Amino acid sequence: TDTGGGGSSTSGSADVSPGVAEAKKETDTLLQRPTEIAVTAPIDKEIPKGKKIAVMQCGFPGCIPLGDHVRAAGKALGWDVTTINTGLTPEEVKTGWQKAVRDNPDGVVSMVYPSSIFKAELAQLKAKDVPVVDCCTPEGAINGIDLMINALENGKVIGEAMAAYVVGTRGEDVHPVAVDVGGLPIAQTVNVAF
């Protein structure tokens, strides 16, 4: 069946290979929006009020939703969430982290860039007892990063899901191109898995 996008639809076709059928099944599962939150354990302490959180917003379009989620969560908690743009270059990243140290937040949420770029700033925040939560960097929870979410190994899961989507929606005869963003280990991991 022609899908109008240059590929062929796999739905309803009797001659679909087992690999395409499996990819389609996985894609269908991944495209189902969750209807409930999997975490059911109640918070057993009072949530502090008036916290000041800095979000280190990376300059890549894929980072925008991550910052949006932190801002939405902060708003729900009544916290003041400030965005600090960290740009695209190591110099911009370091400048952003220097601002975070000067702003003296109660916590920092970071994403994407290797902590080696802002190692001195992490040490300064640690000395002030400011927790840092990080997403998608290669080092994990070390060097002043207190909690790592979406660790680098999750890039493999993301890349495999992307590949399943392409094969599941376009079939076997596709020739996708993956564009890598230099300097971002999570992007490299995604592309290798893809």
N, C-alpha and C. Protein backbone atom coordinates (compact mmCIF):
# COMPACT_ATOMS: atom_id res chain seq x y z
N THR A 1 0.85 -1.17 0.00
CA THR A 1 0.00 0.00 0.00
C THR A 1 0.89 1.24 0.00
N ASP A 2 0.65 2.18 -0.88
CA ASP A 2 1.44 3.41 -0.93
C ASP A 2 0.98 4.33 0.19
N THR A 3 1.95 4.83 0.96
CA THR A 3 1.63 5.72 2.07
C THR A 3 1.82 7.18 1.69
N GLY A 4 2.24 7.44 0.47
CA GLY A 4 2.44 8.81 0.04
C GLY A 4 3.74 9.41 0.51
N GLY A 5 4.49 8.68 1.30
CA GLY A 5 5.74 9.21 1.83
C GLY A 5 6.96 8.57 1.23
N GLY A 6 6.77 7.83 0.15
CA GLY A 6 7.92 7.22 -0.49
C GLY A 6 8.22 5.84 0.03
N GLY A 7 7.51 5.37 1.04
CA GLY A 7 7.72 4.03 1.58
C GLY A 7 6.46 3.24 1.41
N SER A 8 6.44 2.07 1.98
CA SER A 8 5.24 1.27 1.89
C SER A 8 4.73 0.92 3.27
N SER A 9 3.44 0.87 3.40
CA SER A 9 2.83 0.53 4.67
C SER A 9 2.93 -0.96 4.88
N THR A 10 3.10 -1.38 6.15
CA THR A 10 3.20 -2.80 6.44
C THR A 10 1.91 -3.35 6.99
N SER A 11 0.93 -2.50 7.26
CA SER A 11 -0.30 -3.00 7.88
C SER A 11 -1.12 -3.79 6.88
N GLY A 12 -1.56 -4.94 7.29
CA GLY A 12 -2.44 -5.76 6.48
C GLY A 12 -1.74 -6.53 5.38
N SER A 13 -0.43 -6.47 5.30
CA SER A 13 0.29 -7.15 4.23
C SER A 13 0.67 -8.55 4.67
N ALA A 14 0.36 -9.54 3.82
CA ALA A 14 0.64 -10.94 4.16
C ALA A 14 2.11 -11.28 3.93
N ASP A 15 2.83 -10.51 3.13
CA ASP A 15 4.21 -10.84 2.80
C ASP A 15 5.24 -10.05 3.62
N VAL A 16 4.87 -9.65 4.81
CA VAL A 16 5.77 -8.91 5.70
C VAL A 16 6.72 -9.89 6.36
N SER A 17 8.00 -9.56 6.35
CA SER A 17 8.99 -10.43 6.98
C SER A 17 8.81 -10.42 8.50
N PRO A 18 9.32 -11.45 9.18
CA PRO A 18 9.20 -11.48 10.65
C PRO A 18 9.86 -10.27 11.32
N GLY A 19 10.99 -9.79 10.77
CA GLY A 19 11.66 -8.63 11.36
C GLY A 19 10.82 -7.37 11.27
N VAL A 20 10.17 -7.17 10.12
CA VAL A 20 9.31 -6.00 9.94
C VAL A 20 8.08 -6.11 10.85
N ALA A 21 7.52 -7.31 10.93
CA ALA A 21 6.35 -7.52 11.79
C ALA A 21 6.70 -7.22 13.26
N GLU A 22 7.87 -7.66 13.70
CA GLU A 22 8.30 -7.42 15.07
C GLU A 22 8.53 -5.91 15.30
N ALA A 23 9.15 -5.25 14.33
CA ALA A 23 9.38 -3.80 14.44
C ALA A 23 8.06 -3.05 14.49
N LYS A 24 7.10 -3.46 13.68
CA LYS A 24 5.78 -2.82 13.68
C LYS A 24 5.09 -3.01 15.03
N LYS A 25 5.17 -4.22 15.57
CA LYS A 25 4.57 -4.50 16.88
C LYS A 25 5.21 -3.62 17.96
N GLU A 26 6.54 -3.53 17.94
CA GLU A 26 7.24 -2.69 18.93
C GLU A 26 6.86 -1.22 18.76
N THR A 27 6.79 -0.76 17.51
CA THR A 27 6.41 0.63 17.23
C THR A 27 5.01 0.92 17.74
N ASP A 28 4.07 0.02 17.46
CA ASP A 28 2.70 0.21 17.93
C ASP A 28 2.65 0.33 19.45
N THR A 29 3.44 -0.49 20.14
CA THR A 29 3.50 -0.43 21.61
C THR A 29 4.09 0.90 22.08
N LEU A 30 5.19 1.32 21.45
CA LEU A 30 5.86 2.56 21.86
C LEU A 30 5.00 3.80 21.60
N LEU A 31 4.13 3.74 20.60
CA LEU A 31 3.31 4.90 20.27
C LEU A 31 2.06 5.02 21.14
N GLN A 32 1.82 4.06 22.01
CA GLN A 32 0.69 4.14 22.93
C GLN A 32 1.05 5.08 24.08
N ARG A 33 0.31 6.15 24.19
CA ARG A 33 0.56 7.13 25.26
C ARG A 33 0.14 6.51 26.60
N PRO A 34 1.00 6.60 27.62
CA PRO A 34 0.63 6.07 28.93
C PRO A 34 -0.62 6.76 29.47
N THR A 35 -1.42 6.02 30.18
CA THR A 35 -2.64 6.58 30.76
C THR A 35 -2.51 6.80 32.26
N GLU A 36 -1.41 6.33 32.83
CA GLU A 36 -1.19 6.55 34.26
C GLU A 36 0.30 6.64 34.54
N ILE A 37 0.63 7.20 35.68
CA ILE A 37 2.02 7.32 36.11
C ILE A 37 2.39 6.03 36.83
N ALA A 38 3.52 5.46 36.46
CA ALA A 38 3.92 4.17 37.01
C ALA A 38 4.34 4.25 38.48
N VAL A 39 4.77 5.41 38.94
CA VAL A 39 5.19 5.57 40.33
C VAL A 39 3.94 5.75 41.18
N THR A 40 3.73 4.85 42.13
CA THR A 40 2.54 4.92 42.97
C THR A 40 2.85 5.19 44.45
N ALA A 41 4.14 5.13 44.81
CA ALA A 41 4.51 5.36 46.21
C ALA A 41 4.27 6.82 46.57
N PRO A 42 3.52 7.07 47.64
CA PRO A 42 3.25 8.46 48.02
C PRO A 42 4.51 9.12 48.58
N ILE A 43 4.57 10.43 48.48
CA ILE A 43 5.65 11.19 49.11
C ILE A 43 5.33 11.25 50.59
N ASP A 44 6.26 10.77 51.41
CA ASP A 44 5.97 10.66 52.84
C ASP A 44 6.52 11.81 53.67
N LYS A 45 7.04 12.85 53.00
CA LYS A 45 7.52 14.03 53.71
C LYS A 45 6.86 15.25 53.12
N GLU A 46 6.87 16.32 53.87
CA GLU A 46 6.31 17.57 53.36
C GLU A 46 7.24 18.11 52.26
N ILE A 47 6.66 18.55 51.16
CA ILE A 47 7.44 19.12 50.06
C ILE A 47 7.82 20.54 50.44
N PRO A 48 9.12 20.85 50.41
CA PRO A 48 9.54 22.20 50.80
C PRO A 48 8.99 23.25 49.84
N LYS A 49 8.74 24.41 50.34
CA LYS A 49 8.21 25.53 49.54
C LYS A 49 9.34 26.51 49.20
N GLY A 50 9.13 27.28 48.14
CA GLY A 50 10.00 28.39 47.82
C GLY A 50 11.40 28.05 47.35
N LYS A 51 11.62 26.84 46.87
CA LYS A 51 12.95 26.46 46.39
C LYS A 51 13.27 27.19 45.10
N LYS A 52 14.55 27.44 44.90
CA LYS A 52 15.05 28.12 43.70
C LYS A 52 15.91 27.11 42.93
N ILE A 53 15.46 26.76 41.72
CA ILE A 53 16.12 25.74 40.92
C ILE A 53 16.65 26.38 39.64
N ALA A 54 17.88 26.04 39.27
CA ALA A 54 18.47 26.49 38.01
C ALA A 54 18.43 25.33 37.02
N VAL A 55 17.90 25.57 35.83
CA VAL A 55 17.91 24.58 34.75
C VAL A 55 18.96 25.00 33.74
N MET A 56 19.95 24.15 33.55
CA MET A 56 21.01 24.42 32.60
C MET A 56 20.53 23.95 31.23
N GLN A 57 19.93 24.87 30.47
CA GLN A 57 19.27 24.55 29.20
C GLN A 57 20.30 24.48 28.07
N CYS A 58 20.49 23.28 27.52
CA CYS A 58 21.45 23.15 26.42
C CYS A 58 20.88 23.78 25.16
N GLY A 59 21.73 24.06 24.21
CA GLY A 59 21.34 24.79 23.01
C GLY A 59 20.78 23.96 21.89
N PHE A 60 20.57 22.68 22.09
CA PHE A 60 20.03 21.81 21.05
C PHE A 60 18.51 21.73 21.16
N PRO A 61 17.81 21.69 20.04
CA PRO A 61 16.35 21.65 20.08
C PRO A 61 15.79 20.49 20.92
N GLY A 62 16.48 19.36 20.91
CA GLY A 62 16.02 18.21 21.69
C GLY A 62 16.04 18.44 23.19
N CYS A 63 16.75 19.47 23.65
CA CYS A 63 16.81 19.77 25.08
C CYS A 63 15.62 20.60 25.56
N ILE A 64 14.94 21.26 24.65
CA ILE A 64 13.84 22.14 25.03
C ILE A 64 12.77 21.41 25.84
N PRO A 65 12.30 20.22 25.39
CA PRO A 65 11.28 19.53 26.20
C PRO A 65 11.77 19.17 27.60
N LEU A 66 13.06 18.84 27.74
CA LEU A 66 13.58 18.50 29.07
C LEU A 66 13.45 19.69 30.01
N GLY A 67 13.85 20.86 29.54
CA GLY A 67 13.70 22.07 30.35
C GLY A 67 12.25 22.40 30.64
N ASP A 68 11.39 22.21 29.63
CA ASP A 68 9.95 22.45 29.82
C ASP A 68 9.38 21.58 30.93
N HIS A 69 9.81 20.32 30.97
CA HIS A 69 9.31 19.40 32.01
C HIS A 69 9.74 19.85 33.40
N VAL A 70 10.98 20.29 33.52
CA VAL A 70 11.48 20.76 34.83
C VAL A 70 10.71 22.01 35.25
N ARG A 71 10.49 22.93 34.31
CA ARG A 71 9.74 24.15 34.64
C ARG A 71 8.30 23.83 35.06
N ALA A 72 7.67 22.89 34.37
CA ALA A 72 6.30 22.50 34.72
C ALA A 72 6.26 21.86 36.11
N ALA A 73 7.22 21.00 36.40
CA ALA A 73 7.28 20.37 37.72
C ALA A 73 7.51 21.41 38.81
N GLY A 74 8.42 22.34 38.54
CA GLY A 74 8.69 23.41 39.51
C GLY A 74 7.45 24.24 39.77
N LYS A 75 6.72 24.56 38.72
CA LYS A 75 5.49 25.35 38.87
C LYS A 75 4.48 24.60 39.73
N ALA A 76 4.35 23.29 39.50
CA ALA A 76 3.41 22.48 40.28
C ALA A 76 3.80 22.45 41.76
N LEU A 77 5.09 22.54 42.04
CA LEU A 77 5.57 22.51 43.42
C LEU A 77 5.64 23.89 44.06
N GLY A 78 5.41 24.93 43.26
CA GLY A 78 5.52 26.29 43.77
C GLY A 78 6.96 26.76 43.88
N TRP A 79 7.85 26.16 43.09
CA TRP A 79 9.26 26.53 43.13
C TRP A 79 9.56 27.52 42.02
N ASP A 80 10.59 28.33 42.23
CA ASP A 80 11.06 29.29 41.24
C ASP A 80 12.14 28.61 40.40
N VAL A 81 11.82 28.33 39.12
CA VAL A 81 12.75 27.66 38.23
C VAL A 81 13.27 28.68 37.21
N THR A 82 14.57 28.86 37.22
CA THR A 82 15.23 29.80 36.32
C THR A 82 15.99 29.02 35.25
N THR A 83 15.86 29.46 34.02
CA THR A 83 16.58 28.84 32.92
C THR A 83 17.87 29.59 32.66
N ILE A 84 18.96 28.84 32.60
CA ILE A 84 20.26 29.41 32.23
C ILE A 84 20.67 28.74 30.93
N ASN A 85 20.73 29.51 29.86
CA ASN A 85 21.12 28.96 28.57
C ASN A 85 22.60 28.62 28.58
N THR A 86 22.91 27.39 28.17
CA THR A 86 24.31 26.96 28.14
C THR A 86 24.84 26.86 26.72
N GLY A 87 24.06 27.28 25.74
CA GLY A 87 24.56 27.39 24.38
C GLY A 87 25.01 26.09 23.77
N LEU A 88 25.98 26.21 22.85
CA LEU A 88 26.45 25.07 22.08
C LEU A 88 27.94 24.80 22.20
N THR A 89 28.68 25.77 22.72
CA THR A 89 30.14 25.60 22.78
C THR A 89 30.58 25.36 24.23
N PRO A 90 31.75 24.75 24.42
CA PRO A 90 32.25 24.57 25.79
C PRO A 90 32.36 25.89 26.56
N GLU A 91 32.73 26.96 25.86
CA GLU A 91 32.84 28.26 26.53
C GLU A 91 31.48 28.74 27.03
N GLU A 92 30.45 28.56 26.22
CA GLU A 92 29.10 28.97 26.63
C GLU A 92 28.59 28.10 27.79
N VAL A 93 28.91 26.82 27.74
CA VAL A 93 28.50 25.91 28.81
C VAL A 93 29.15 26.36 30.12
N LYS A 94 30.44 26.62 30.08
CA LYS A 94 31.16 27.04 31.29
C LYS A 94 30.62 28.36 31.82
N THR A 95 30.34 29.31 30.94
CA THR A 95 29.77 30.59 31.34
C THR A 95 28.42 30.40 32.03
N GLY A 96 27.59 29.51 31.48
CA GLY A 96 26.30 29.22 32.10
C GLY A 96 26.46 28.66 33.50
N TRP A 97 27.40 27.74 33.67
CA TRP A 97 27.63 27.15 34.99
C TRP A 97 28.20 28.17 35.98
N GLN A 98 29.01 29.08 35.50
CA GLN A 98 29.51 30.14 36.38
C GLN A 98 28.35 30.99 36.88
N LYS A 99 27.39 31.26 36.00
CA LYS A 99 26.19 32.01 36.41
C LYS A 99 25.41 31.23 37.47
N ALA A 100 25.28 29.92 37.27
CA ALA A 100 24.56 29.10 38.25
C ALA A 100 25.21 29.21 39.62
N VAL A 101 26.53 29.18 39.68
CA VAL A 101 27.23 29.31 40.97
C VAL A 101 26.94 30.67 41.59
N ARG A 102 26.99 31.73 40.77
CA ARG A 102 26.72 33.08 41.28
C ARG A 102 25.27 33.24 41.76
N ASP A 103 24.33 32.59 41.06
CA ASP A 103 22.91 32.71 41.42
C ASP A 103 22.55 31.99 42.72
N ASN A 104 23.42 31.08 43.16
CA ASN A 104 23.24 30.37 44.42
C ASN A 104 21.86 29.69 44.54
N PRO A 105 21.52 28.79 43.61
CA PRO A 105 20.23 28.11 43.69
C PRO A 105 20.20 27.04 44.79
N ASP A 106 19.01 26.54 45.05
CA ASP A 106 18.86 25.43 45.99
C ASP A 106 19.14 24.09 45.32
N GLY A 107 19.10 24.07 43.99
CA GLY A 107 19.36 22.86 43.23
C GLY A 107 19.59 23.21 41.77
N VAL A 108 20.26 22.32 41.06
CA VAL A 108 20.55 22.52 39.63
C VAL A 108 20.14 21.27 38.87
N VAL A 109 19.50 21.49 37.72
CA VAL A 109 19.18 20.40 36.80
C VAL A 109 19.97 20.66 35.53
N SER A 110 20.75 19.68 35.13
CA SER A 110 21.64 19.83 33.99
C SER A 110 21.32 18.77 32.94
N MET A 111 21.80 19.02 31.71
CA MET A 111 21.57 18.04 30.66
C MET A 111 22.67 18.06 29.62
N VAL A 112 23.01 16.90 29.15
CA VAL A 112 23.75 16.63 27.92
C VAL A 112 25.26 16.79 27.97
N TYR A 113 25.81 17.88 28.45
CA TYR A 113 27.23 18.14 28.27
C TYR A 113 28.10 17.38 29.27
N PRO A 114 29.29 16.94 28.83
CA PRO A 114 30.21 16.26 29.76
C PRO A 114 30.59 17.17 30.92
N SER A 115 30.60 16.60 32.11
CA SER A 115 30.88 17.40 33.30
C SER A 115 32.31 17.89 33.36
N SER A 116 33.19 17.36 32.54
CA SER A 116 34.57 17.84 32.52
C SER A 116 34.63 19.33 32.14
N ILE A 117 33.63 19.82 31.42
CA ILE A 117 33.59 21.23 31.01
C ILE A 117 33.35 22.15 32.21
N PHE A 118 32.55 21.69 33.17
CA PHE A 118 32.17 22.55 34.29
C PHE A 118 32.54 21.91 35.64
N LYS A 119 33.66 21.21 35.65
CA LYS A 119 34.14 20.50 36.84
C LYS A 119 34.35 21.46 38.02
N ALA A 120 34.97 22.61 37.76
CA ALA A 120 35.23 23.58 38.85
C ALA A 120 33.93 24.09 39.44
N GLU A 121 32.94 24.34 38.59
CA GLU A 121 31.65 24.86 39.06
C GLU A 121 30.89 23.79 39.86
N LEU A 122 31.01 22.53 39.44
CA LEU A 122 30.40 21.44 40.22
C LEU A 122 31.01 21.39 41.62
N ALA A 123 32.31 21.55 41.70
CA ALA A 123 32.99 21.54 43.00
C ALA A 123 32.50 22.69 43.87
N GLN A 124 32.32 23.87 43.27
CA GLN A 124 31.82 25.03 44.02
C GLN A 124 30.40 24.78 44.52
N LEU A 125 29.56 24.21 43.68
CA LEU A 125 28.18 23.91 44.10
C LEU A 125 28.16 22.85 45.19
N LYS A 126 29.02 21.85 45.06
CA LYS A 126 29.10 20.80 46.07
C LYS A 126 29.53 21.39 47.42
N ALA A 127 30.47 22.34 47.38
CA ALA A 127 30.93 22.99 48.62
C ALA A 127 29.80 23.78 49.27
N LYS A 128 28.86 24.25 48.47
CA LYS A 128 27.70 24.98 49.00
C LYS A 128 26.54 24.03 49.34
N ASP A 129 26.75 22.74 49.16
CA ASP A 129 25.74 21.71 49.41
C ASP A 129 24.51 21.87 48.50
N VAL A 130 24.77 22.25 47.24
CA VAL A 130 23.71 22.40 46.25
C VAL A 130 23.66 21.11 45.42
N PRO A 131 22.56 20.38 45.48
CA PRO A 131 22.47 19.14 44.70
C PRO A 131 22.34 19.41 43.20
N VAL A 132 22.93 18.52 42.41
CA VAL A 132 22.88 18.61 40.95
C VAL A 132 22.31 17.31 40.41
N VAL A 133 21.24 17.44 39.63
CA VAL A 133 20.62 16.30 38.93
C VAL A 133 20.97 16.47 37.46
N ASP A 134 21.44 15.40 36.84
CA ASP A 134 21.90 15.50 35.46
C ASP A 134 21.21 14.47 34.57
N CYS A 135 21.09 14.83 33.31
CA CYS A 135 20.49 13.94 32.32
C CYS A 135 21.43 13.78 31.13
N CYS A 136 21.63 12.55 30.74
CA CYS A 136 22.20 12.24 29.43
C CYS A 136 23.68 12.53 29.26
N THR A 137 24.46 12.52 30.30
CA THR A 137 25.90 12.71 30.14
C THR A 137 26.62 11.40 30.40
N PRO A 138 27.84 11.27 29.88
CA PRO A 138 28.52 9.98 29.93
C PRO A 138 29.07 9.57 31.28
N GLU A 139 29.37 10.53 32.15
CA GLU A 139 30.10 10.18 33.37
C GLU A 139 29.24 9.55 34.46
N GLY A 140 27.97 9.82 34.47
CA GLY A 140 27.12 9.32 35.54
C GLY A 140 27.19 10.22 36.76
N ALA A 141 26.72 9.69 37.88
CA ALA A 141 26.63 10.48 39.12
C ALA A 141 27.98 10.49 39.83
N ILE A 142 28.90 11.30 39.31
CA ILE A 142 30.23 11.49 39.91
C ILE A 142 30.60 12.95 39.79
N ASN A 143 31.70 13.32 40.38
CA ASN A 143 32.27 14.67 40.25
C ASN A 143 31.29 15.78 40.63
N GLY A 144 30.45 15.55 41.63
CA GLY A 144 29.53 16.60 42.06
C GLY A 144 28.14 16.47 41.48
N ILE A 145 27.91 15.46 40.65
CA ILE A 145 26.56 15.18 40.16
C ILE A 145 25.94 14.18 41.13
N ASP A 146 24.84 14.57 41.76
CA ASP A 146 24.24 13.76 42.81
C ASP A 146 23.31 12.68 42.30
N LEU A 147 22.65 12.94 41.17
CA LEU A 147 21.70 11.97 40.63
C LEU A 147 21.73 12.04 39.11
N MET A 148 21.79 10.88 38.49
CA MET A 148 21.79 10.81 37.03
C MET A 148 20.48 10.19 36.57
N ILE A 149 19.78 10.88 35.67
CA ILE A 149 18.59 10.31 35.05
C ILE A 149 18.87 10.16 33.56
N ASN A 150 18.26 9.18 32.95
CA ASN A 150 18.46 8.90 31.53
C ASN A 150 19.95 8.80 31.22
N ALA A 151 20.59 7.86 31.87
CA ALA A 151 22.02 7.67 31.71
C ALA A 151 22.35 7.28 30.27
N LEU A 152 23.60 7.34 29.96
CA LEU A 152 24.08 7.12 28.60
C LEU A 152 23.60 5.80 28.00
N GLU A 153 23.52 4.77 28.83
CA GLU A 153 23.08 3.47 28.30
C GLU A 153 21.64 3.51 27.77
N ASN A 154 20.86 4.49 28.20
CA ASN A 154 19.50 4.63 27.66
C ASN A 154 19.51 5.07 26.20
N GLY A 155 20.63 5.63 25.75
CA GLY A 155 20.75 6.00 24.34
C GLY A 155 20.59 4.79 23.44
N LYS A 156 21.05 3.64 23.90
CA LYS A 156 20.88 2.40 23.13
C LYS A 156 19.40 2.07 22.96
N VAL A 157 18.64 2.20 24.02
CA VAL A 157 17.20 1.93 23.98
C VAL A 157 16.51 2.90 23.01
N ILE A 158 16.91 4.17 23.07
CA ILE A 158 16.33 5.18 22.20
C ILE A 158 16.65 4.88 20.73
N GLY A 159 17.91 4.56 20.45
CA GLY A 159 18.32 4.25 19.08
C GLY A 159 17.61 3.03 18.53
N GLU A 160 17.45 2.01 19.36
CA GLU A 160 16.74 0.80 18.92
C GLU A 160 15.27 1.10 18.65
N ALA A 161 14.66 1.95 19.48
CA ALA A 161 13.25 2.32 19.26
C ALA A 161 13.11 3.12 17.96
N MET A 162 14.06 3.99 17.69
CA MET A 162 14.02 4.76 16.43
C MET A 162 14.13 3.82 15.23
N ALA A 163 15.02 2.85 15.31
CA ALA A 163 15.18 1.88 14.21
C ALA A 163 13.90 1.07 14.02
N ALA A 164 13.30 0.64 15.12
CA ALA A 164 12.05 -0.12 15.03
C ALA A 164 10.96 0.73 14.37
N TYR A 165 10.91 2.00 14.70
CA TYR A 165 9.91 2.88 14.10
C TYR A 165 10.10 2.98 12.59
N VAL A 166 11.34 3.19 12.16
CA VAL A 166 11.62 3.31 10.72
C VAL A 166 11.24 2.03 9.99
N VAL A 167 11.70 0.89 10.50
CA VAL A 167 11.40 -0.38 9.84
C VAL A 167 9.92 -0.73 9.97
N GLY A 168 9.35 -0.48 11.13
CA GLY A 168 7.94 -0.81 11.36
C GLY A 168 6.97 0.02 10.54
N THR A 169 7.37 1.24 10.17
CA THR A 169 6.47 2.09 9.39
C THR A 169 6.83 2.14 7.91
N ARG A 170 8.06 1.74 7.56
CA ARG A 170 8.50 1.83 6.16
C ARG A 170 8.93 0.50 5.55
N GLY A 171 9.08 -0.52 6.34
CA GLY A 171 9.50 -1.81 5.80
C GLY A 171 11.00 -1.94 5.74
N GLU A 172 11.45 -3.02 5.09
CA GLU A 172 12.87 -3.35 5.06
C GLU A 172 13.68 -2.52 4.08
N ASP A 173 13.08 -2.09 3.02
CA ASP A 173 13.82 -1.44 1.95
C ASP A 173 13.90 0.07 2.18
N VAL A 174 14.54 0.44 3.27
CA VAL A 174 14.72 1.85 3.60
C VAL A 174 16.21 2.13 3.74
N HIS A 175 16.58 3.35 3.57
CA HIS A 175 17.98 3.76 3.68
C HIS A 175 18.06 5.03 4.52
N PRO A 176 17.82 4.90 5.84
CA PRO A 176 17.80 6.10 6.69
C PRO A 176 19.19 6.68 6.89
N VAL A 177 19.22 7.93 7.21
CA VAL A 177 20.46 8.63 7.52
C VAL A 177 20.33 9.17 8.94
N ALA A 178 21.32 8.90 9.77
CA ALA A 178 21.35 9.43 11.13
C ALA A 178 22.39 10.53 11.18
N VAL A 179 22.00 11.69 11.66
CA VAL A 179 22.91 12.82 11.78
C VAL A 179 23.35 12.94 13.23
N ASP A 180 24.63 12.94 13.43
CA ASP A 180 25.19 12.99 14.78
C ASP A 180 25.51 14.43 15.16
N VAL A 181 25.34 14.73 16.42
CA VAL A 181 25.69 16.04 16.96
C VAL A 181 27.02 15.87 17.66
N GLY A 182 28.06 16.44 17.10
CA GLY A 182 29.40 16.28 17.67
C GLY A 182 29.48 16.75 19.11
N GLY A 183 30.21 16.02 19.91
CA GLY A 183 30.43 16.42 21.29
C GLY A 183 29.36 15.97 22.27
N LEU A 184 28.30 15.29 21.77
CA LEU A 184 27.25 14.81 22.66
C LEU A 184 27.26 13.28 22.68
N PRO A 185 27.86 12.70 23.70
CA PRO A 185 27.95 11.24 23.74
C PRO A 185 26.60 10.54 23.66
N ILE A 186 25.54 11.12 24.21
CA ILE A 186 24.22 10.47 24.15
C ILE A 186 23.77 10.36 22.69
N ALA A 187 24.03 11.38 21.88
CA ALA A 187 23.64 11.33 20.47
C ALA A 187 24.43 10.26 19.73
N GLN A 188 25.70 10.12 20.05
CA GLN A 188 26.53 9.10 19.42
C GLN A 188 26.03 7.71 19.78
N THR A 189 25.66 7.51 21.05
CA THR A 189 25.14 6.22 21.49
C THR A 189 23.83 5.89 20.78
N VAL A 190 22.96 6.88 20.65
CA VAL A 190 21.69 6.69 19.94
C VAL A 190 21.95 6.26 18.51
N ASN A 191 22.84 6.96 17.83
CA ASN A 191 23.09 6.67 16.42
C ASN A 191 23.72 5.31 16.21
N VAL A 192 24.63 4.88 17.08
CA VAL A 192 25.23 3.56 16.96
C VAL A 192 24.16 2.48 17.10
N ALA A 193 23.25 2.66 18.05
CA ALA A 193 22.17 1.67 18.25
C ALA A 193 21.18 1.68 17.11
N PHE A 194 20.98 2.84 16.50
CA PHE A 194 20.06 2.97 15.38
C PHE A 194 20.57 2.16 14.20
